Amino acid sequence: MRVGQKTMSESQDQRVMIVGAAPGRDSDPTRPLVPTQSGQGAAASLLRLMQIDPCSFEVIFDRHYIIPLHAGRSRNGDRFPKAMVLAGVARLIPLFRGRTVVLIGKKTASAFGISHLAPCTWGQQILGSSSEDNRMTTIAWVPNPCGINPWWNHPTNKQAGEAFLVALGQHAFDLSLRGLAA
């Protein structure tokens, strides 16, 4: 490697991170937020709203789940066990520092303590304990676009959410191009 030249992993560390709660029942947990063959669910809705194809999405975003497996169903939707959530948050926070991060869903935003931010708006947060490297994280959350979330039914919200996600897709694409050129 020459001086001033970044490795691929260093370039990927600058990609926008997208974090979802957990894979769906039919999702591949090793490919976070990639749509299933059925073309339904949060991942498929996210890509449609961002106007990005699945291959580009996998390349330009660094994607993660808080819980790395489908934890089953409860009467209120999918299970989100607290112990697994705490472990997932602890695993992900070190990856957030100094990065741009988008959390998918209110449960995900609550797990990281940012649900006080309005949906689809950026905030600056320091995450983690004071003894750690506390670089600022640029962070936002988007209500789950799975098709059953009532937030997306209001025309003003839908317009704001779509504009946010299209701009996010363009920003992530631009960052990935800069990373490859560096």
C-alpha atoms as a PDB file:
ATOM      1  CA  MET A   1       0.000   0.000   0.000  1.00  0.00           C
ATOM      2  CA  ARG A   2       1.319   3.428  -0.913  1.00  0.00           C
ATOM      3  CA  VAL A   3       1.279   6.368   1.493  1.00  0.00           C
ATOM      4  CA  GLY A   4      -2.046   8.209   1.307  1.00  0.00           C
ATOM      5  CA  GLN A   5      -3.843   5.270  -0.290  1.00  0.00           C
ATOM      6  CA  LYS A   6      -6.707   3.676   1.621  1.00  0.00           C
ATOM      7  CA  THR A   7      -7.364  -0.024   1.799  1.00  0.00           C
ATOM      8  CA  MET A   8     -10.830  -1.295   0.878  1.00  0.00           C
ATOM      9  CA  SER A   9     -11.704  -1.872   4.549  1.00  0.00           C
ATOM     10  CA  GLU A  10     -10.697   1.700   5.422  1.00  0.00           C
ATOM     11  CA  SER A  11     -12.871   3.020   2.592  1.00  0.00           C
ATOM     12  CA  GLN A  12     -15.786   0.857   3.741  1.00  0.00           C
ATOM     13  CA  ASP A  13     -15.460   2.307   7.248  1.00  0.00           C
ATOM     14  CA  GLN A  14     -16.676   5.605   5.809  1.00  0.00           C
ATOM     15  CA  ARG A  15     -19.849   4.115   4.340  1.00  0.00           C
ATOM     16  CA  VAL A  16     -23.179   5.157   5.817  1.00  0.00           C
ATOM     17  CA  MET A  17     -24.363   2.563   8.343  1.00  0.00           C
ATOM     18  CA  ILE A  18     -27.941   1.330   8.340  1.00  0.00           C
ATOM     19  CA  VAL A  19     -29.106  -0.636  11.373  1.00  0.00           C
ATOM     20  CA  GLY A  20     -32.316  -2.616  11.655  1.00  0.00           C
ATOM     21  CA  ALA A  21     -33.762  -4.377  14.689  1.00  0.00           C
ATOM     22  CA  ALA A  22     -33.460  -8.013  13.547  1.00  0.00           C
ATOM     23  CA  PRO A  23     -33.826 -10.110  10.418  1.00  0.00           C
ATOM     24  CA  GLY A  24     -37.313 -11.113   9.406  1.00  0.00           C
ATOM     25  CA  ARG A  25     -38.470 -14.708   9.563  1.00  0.00           C
ATOM     26  CA  ASP A  26     -37.549 -15.311   5.895  1.00  0.00           C
ATOM     27  CA  SER A  27     -34.467 -13.045   5.760  1.00  0.00           C
ATOM     28  CA  ASP A  28     -30.846 -14.110   5.458  1.00  0.00           C
ATOM     29  CA  PRO A  29     -29.206 -12.959   8.730  1.00  0.00           C
ATOM     30  CA  THR A  30     -25.791 -12.867   7.018  1.00  0.00           C
ATOM     31  CA  ARG A  31     -27.036 -10.227   4.551  1.00  0.00           C
ATOM     32  CA  PRO A  32     -28.646  -7.512   6.714  1.00  0.00           C
ATOM     33  CA  LEU A  33     -31.485  -5.529   5.184  1.00  0.00           C
ATOM     34  CA  VAL A  34     -31.318  -7.244   1.802  1.00  0.00           C
ATOM     35  CA  PRO A  35     -34.802  -8.018   0.443  1.00  0.00           C
ATOM     36  CA  THR A  36     -36.091 -11.579   0.425  1.00  0.00           C
ATOM     37  CA  GLN A  37     -37.227 -13.342  -2.744  1.00  0.00           C
ATOM     38  CA  SER A  38     -40.828 -12.389  -1.922  1.00  0.00           C
ATOM     39  CA  GLY A  39     -39.971  -8.699  -2.297  1.00  0.00           C
ATOM     40  CA  GLN A  40     -41.880  -7.828   0.864  1.00  0.00           C
ATOM     41  CA  GLY A  41     -40.883  -6.443   4.238  1.00  0.00           C
ATOM     42  CA  ALA A  42     -38.835  -3.516   5.504  1.00  0.00           C
ATOM     43  CA  ALA A  43     -35.768  -4.154   3.336  1.00  0.00           C
ATOM     44  CA  ALA A  44     -37.733  -4.256   0.074  1.00  0.00           C
ATOM     45  CA  SER A  45     -39.713  -1.155   1.051  1.00  0.00           C
ATOM     46  CA  LEU A  46     -36.514   0.662   1.992  1.00  0.00           C
ATOM     47  CA  LEU A  47     -34.916  -0.022  -1.391  1.00  0.00           C
ATOM     48  CA  ARG A  48     -38.057   1.015  -3.285  1.00  0.00           C
ATOM     49  CA  LEU A  49     -38.211   4.295  -1.371  1.00  0.00           C
ATOM     50  CA  MET A  50     -34.472   4.956  -1.860  1.00  0.00           C
ATOM     51  CA  GLN A  51     -34.719   4.058  -5.555  1.00  0.00           C
ATOM     52  CA  ILE A  52     -31.672   1.763  -5.245  1.00  0.00           C
ATOM     53  CA  ASP A  53     -31.206  -1.760  -6.561  1.00  0.00           C
ATOM     54  CA  PRO A  54     -30.213  -4.523  -4.077  1.00  0.00           C
ATOM     55  CA  CYS A  55     -26.661  -4.934  -5.445  1.00  0.00           C
ATOM     56  CA  SER A  56     -25.861  -1.217  -5.139  1.00  0.00           C
ATOM     57  CA  PHE A  57     -27.446  -1.162  -1.683  1.00  0.00           C
ATOM     58  CA  GLU A  58     -25.138  -3.941  -0.466  1.00  0.00           C
ATOM     59  CA  VAL A  59     -22.065  -2.120  -1.778  1.00  0.00           C
ATOM     60  CA  ILE A  60     -22.723   1.471  -0.689  1.00  0.00           C
ATOM     61  CA  PHE A  61     -24.147   0.848   2.795  1.00  0.00           C
ATOM     62  CA  ASP A  62     -22.612  -0.841   5.836  1.00  0.00           C
ATOM     63  CA  ARG A  63     -25.646  -2.822   7.101  1.00  0.00           C
ATOM     64  CA  HIS A  64     -26.226  -4.390  10.502  1.00  0.00           C
ATOM     65  CA  TYR A  65     -28.918  -5.800  12.784  1.00  0.00           C
ATOM     66  CA  ILE A  66     -29.048  -5.227  16.542  1.00  0.00           C
ATOM     67  CA  ILE A  67     -30.123  -8.847  17.006  1.00  0.00           C
ATOM     68  CA  PRO A  68     -28.409 -11.144  14.497  1.00  0.00           C
ATOM     69  CA  LEU A  69     -31.286 -13.649  14.273  1.00  0.00           C
ATOM     70  CA  HIS A  70     -35.067 -13.722  14.111  1.00  0.00           C
ATOM     71  CA  ALA A  71     -36.134 -14.000  17.757  1.00  0.00           C
ATOM     72  CA  GLY A  72     -39.658 -15.215  17.019  1.00  0.00           C
ATOM     73  CA  ARG A  73     -43.111 -13.666  17.217  1.00  0.00           C
ATOM     74  CA  SER A  74     -45.033 -12.127  20.080  1.00  0.00           C
ATOM     75  CA  ARG A  75     -48.613 -10.930  20.140  1.00  0.00           C
ATOM     76  CA  ASN A  76     -47.393  -7.389  19.320  1.00  0.00           C
ATOM     77  CA  GLY A  77     -45.141  -8.335  16.384  1.00  0.00           C
ATOM     78  CA  ASP A  78     -41.631  -9.711  16.357  1.00  0.00           C
ATOM     79  CA  ARG A  79     -39.868 -10.369  19.671  1.00  0.00           C
ATOM     80  CA  PHE A  80     -37.085  -7.961  20.669  1.00  0.00           C
ATOM     81  CA  PRO A  81     -35.526  -9.567  23.802  1.00  0.00           C
ATOM     82  CA  LYS A  82     -33.895  -6.999  26.067  1.00  0.00           C
ATOM     83  CA  ALA A  83     -30.749  -9.054  26.822  1.00  0.00           C
ATOM     84  CA  MET A  84     -30.117  -9.581  23.107  1.00  0.00           C
ATOM     85  CA  VAL A  85     -30.785  -5.898  22.403  1.00  0.00           C
ATOM     86  CA  LEU A  86     -28.303  -4.739  25.062  1.00  0.00           C
ATOM     87  CA  ALA A  87     -25.622  -7.086  23.700  1.00  0.00           C
ATOM     88  CA  GLY A  88     -26.264  -5.890  20.142  1.00  0.00           C
ATOM     89  CA  VAL A  89     -26.125  -2.222  21.099  1.00  0.00           C
ATOM     90  CA  ALA A  90     -22.829  -2.782  22.951  1.00  0.00           C
ATOM     91  CA  ARG A  91     -21.426  -4.546  19.870  1.00  0.00           C
ATOM     92  CA  LEU A  92     -22.488  -1.792  17.443  1.00  0.00           C
ATOM     93  CA  ILE A  93     -21.749   1.452  19.325  1.00  0.00           C
ATOM     94  CA  PRO A  94     -17.966   1.242  18.762  1.00  0.00           C
ATOM     95  CA  LEU A  95     -18.654   1.030  15.010  1.00  0.00           C
ATOM     96  CA  PHE A  96     -20.761   4.222  15.081  1.00  0.00           C
ATOM     97  CA  ARG A  97     -18.115   6.700  16.224  1.00  0.00           C
ATOM     98  CA  GLY A  98     -17.435   9.408  13.666  1.00  0.00           C
ATOM     99  CA  ARG A  99     -19.833   7.854  11.162  1.00  0.00           C
ATOM    100  CA  THR A 100     -23.195   8.615   9.616  1.00  0.00           C
ATOM    101  CA  VAL A 101     -25.799   6.164  10.936  1.00  0.00           C
ATOM    102  CA  VAL A 102     -29.473   5.597  10.113  1.00  0.00           C
ATOM    103  CA  LEU A 103     -31.578   3.411  12.381  1.00  0.00           C
ATOM    104  CA  ILE A 104     -34.646   1.672  10.955  1.00  0.00           C
ATOM    105  CA  GLY A 105     -37.681   1.663  13.248  1.00  0.00           C
ATOM    106  CA  LYS A 106     -38.683   3.206  16.557  1.00  0.00           C
ATOM    107  CA  LYS A 107     -37.559   0.120  18.543  1.00  0.00           C
ATOM    108  CA  THR A 108     -34.100   0.450  17.028  1.00  0.00           C
ATOM    109  CA  ALA A 109     -33.995   4.194  17.760  1.00  0.00           C
ATOM    110  CA  SER A 110     -35.116   3.557  21.353  1.00  0.00           C
ATOM    111  CA  ALA A 111     -32.431   0.892  21.822  1.00  0.00           C
ATOM    112  CA  PHE A 112     -29.768   3.508  21.041  1.00  0.00           C
ATOM    113  CA  GLY A 113     -31.495   6.270  23.025  1.00  0.00           C
ATOM    114  CA  ILE A 114     -32.310   8.547  20.103  1.00  0.00           C
ATOM    115  CA  SER A 115     -36.078   8.117  19.754  1.00  0.00           C
ATOM    116  CA  HIS A 116     -36.414  11.697  21.047  1.00  0.00           C
ATOM    117  CA  LEU A 117     -35.210  12.903  17.624  1.00  0.00           C
ATOM    118  CA  ALA A 118     -37.961  13.550  15.110  1.00  0.00           C
ATOM    119  CA  PRO A 119     -38.086  10.886  12.390  1.00  0.00           C
ATOM    120  CA  CYS A 120     -36.032  11.616   9.266  1.00  0.00           C
ATOM    121  CA  THR A 121     -34.002  14.407  10.863  1.00  0.00           C
ATOM    122  CA  TRP A 122     -30.285  14.384  11.611  1.00  0.00           C
ATOM    123  CA  GLY A 123     -28.803  14.783  15.060  1.00  0.00           C
ATOM    124  CA  GLN A 124     -25.292  14.781  16.499  1.00  0.00           C
ATOM    125  CA  GLN A 125     -24.796  12.318  19.353  1.00  0.00           C
ATOM    126  CA  ILE A 126     -21.957  11.016  21.461  1.00  0.00           C
ATOM    127  CA  LEU A 127     -22.686   7.368  22.139  1.00  0.00           C
ATOM    128  CA  GLY A 128     -20.969   5.115  24.654  1.00  0.00           C
ATOM    129  CA  SER A 129     -19.252   5.726  27.976  1.00  0.00           C
ATOM    130  CA  SER A 130     -17.070   8.731  28.714  1.00  0.00           C
ATOM    131  CA  SER A 131     -13.979   6.526  29.033  1.00  0.00           C
ATOM    132  CA  GLU A 132     -14.190   5.468  25.380  1.00  0.00           C
ATOM    133  CA  ASP A 133     -13.255   7.330  22.198  1.00  0.00           C
ATOM    134  CA  ASN A 134     -16.247   9.660  21.989  1.00  0.00           C
ATOM    135  CA  ARG A 135     -16.257  10.951  18.446  1.00  0.00           C
ATOM    136  CA  MET A 136     -19.528  12.504  17.371  1.00  0.00           C
ATOM    137  CA  THR A 137     -21.963  10.335  15.424  1.00  0.00           C
ATOM    138  CA  THR A 138     -24.301  11.864  12.867  1.00  0.00           C
ATOM    139  CA  ILE A 139     -27.459   9.866  13.409  1.00  0.00           C
ATOM    140  CA  ALA A 140     -31.097   9.707  12.350  1.00  0.00           C
ATOM    141  CA  TRP A 141     -33.929   7.219  12.480  1.00  0.00           C
ATOM    142  CA  VAL A 142     -36.623   6.344   9.998  1.00  0.00           C
ATOM    143  CA  PRO A 143     -39.924   4.695  10.912  1.00  0.00           C
ATOM    144  CA  ASN A 144     -40.024   1.132   9.632  1.00  0.00           C
ATOM    145  CA  PRO A 145     -41.222   1.310   6.012  1.00  0.00           C
ATOM    146  CA  CYS A 146     -42.642  -2.232   6.100  1.00  0.00           C
ATOM    147  CA  GLY A 147     -46.064  -1.200   4.825  1.00  0.00           C
ATOM    148  CA  ILE A 148     -48.005  -1.503   8.081  1.00  0.00           C
ATOM    149  CA  ASN A 149     -46.460   1.420   9.981  1.00  0.00           C
ATOM    150  CA  PRO A 150     -49.126   4.154  10.360  1.00  0.00           C
ATOM    151  CA  TRP A 151     -46.487   6.935  10.248  1.00  0.00           C
ATOM    152  CA  TRP A 152     -46.090   6.347   6.507  1.00  0.00           C
ATOM    153  CA  ASN A 153     -49.874   6.716   5.923  1.00  0.00           C
ATOM    154  CA  HIS A 154     -49.843  10.479   6.533  1.00  0.00           C
ATOM    155  CA  PRO A 155     -49.045  12.260   3.220  1.00  0.00           C
ATOM    156  CA  THR A 156     -46.685  14.795   4.847  1.00  0.00           C
ATOM    157  CA  ASN A 157     -44.746  12.044   6.618  1.00  0.00           C
ATOM    158  CA  LYS A 158     -44.581   9.917   3.485  1.00  0.00           C
ATOM    159  CA  GLN A 159     -43.231  12.834   1.458  1.00  0.00           C
ATOM    160  CA  ALA A 160     -40.632  13.693   4.138  1.00  0.00           C
ATOM    161  CA  GLY A 161     -39.599  10.048   4.526  1.00  0.00           C
ATOM    162  CA  GLU A 162     -39.229   9.493   0.793  1.00  0.00           C
ATOM    163  CA  ALA A 163     -37.192  12.697   0.360  1.00  0.00           C
ATOM    164  CA  PHE A 164     -34.955  11.745   3.294  1.00  0.00           C
ATOM    165  CA  LEU A 165     -34.309   8.239   1.951  1.00  0.00           C
ATOM    166  CA  VAL A 166     -33.627   9.375  -1.625  1.00  0.00           C
ATOM    167  CA  ALA A 167     -31.152  11.983  -0.309  1.00  0.00           C
ATOM    168  CA  LEU A 168     -29.586   9.338   1.959  1.00  0.00           C
ATOM    169  CA  GLY A 169     -29.110   6.988  -0.982  1.00  0.00           C
ATOM    170  CA  GLN A 170     -27.434   9.731  -3.018  1.00  0.00           C
ATOM    171  CA  HIS A 171     -25.197  10.731  -0.083  1.00  0.00           C
ATOM    172  CA  ALA A 172     -24.138   7.119   0.493  1.00  0.00           C
ATOM    173  CA  PHE A 173     -23.430   6.659  -3.215  1.00  0.00           C
ATOM    174  CA  ASP A 174     -21.295   9.831  -3.266  1.00  0.00           C
ATOM    175  CA  LEU A 175     -19.355   8.667  -0.186  1.00  0.00           C
ATOM    176  CA  SER A 176     -18.673   5.286  -1.743  1.00  0.00           C
ATOM    177  CA  LEU A 177     -17.361   6.936  -4.926  1.00  0.00           C
ATOM    178  CA  ARG A 178     -15.068   9.182  -2.868  1.00  0.00           C
ATOM    179  CA  GLY A 179     -13.862   6.147  -0.912  1.00  0.00           C
ATOM    180  CA  LEU A 180     -12.955   4.312  -4.097  1.00  0.00           C
ATOM    181  CA  ALA A 181     -11.208   7.360  -5.565  1.00  0.00           C
ATOM    182  CA  ALA A 182      -9.113   7.981  -2.437  1.00  0.00           C
END
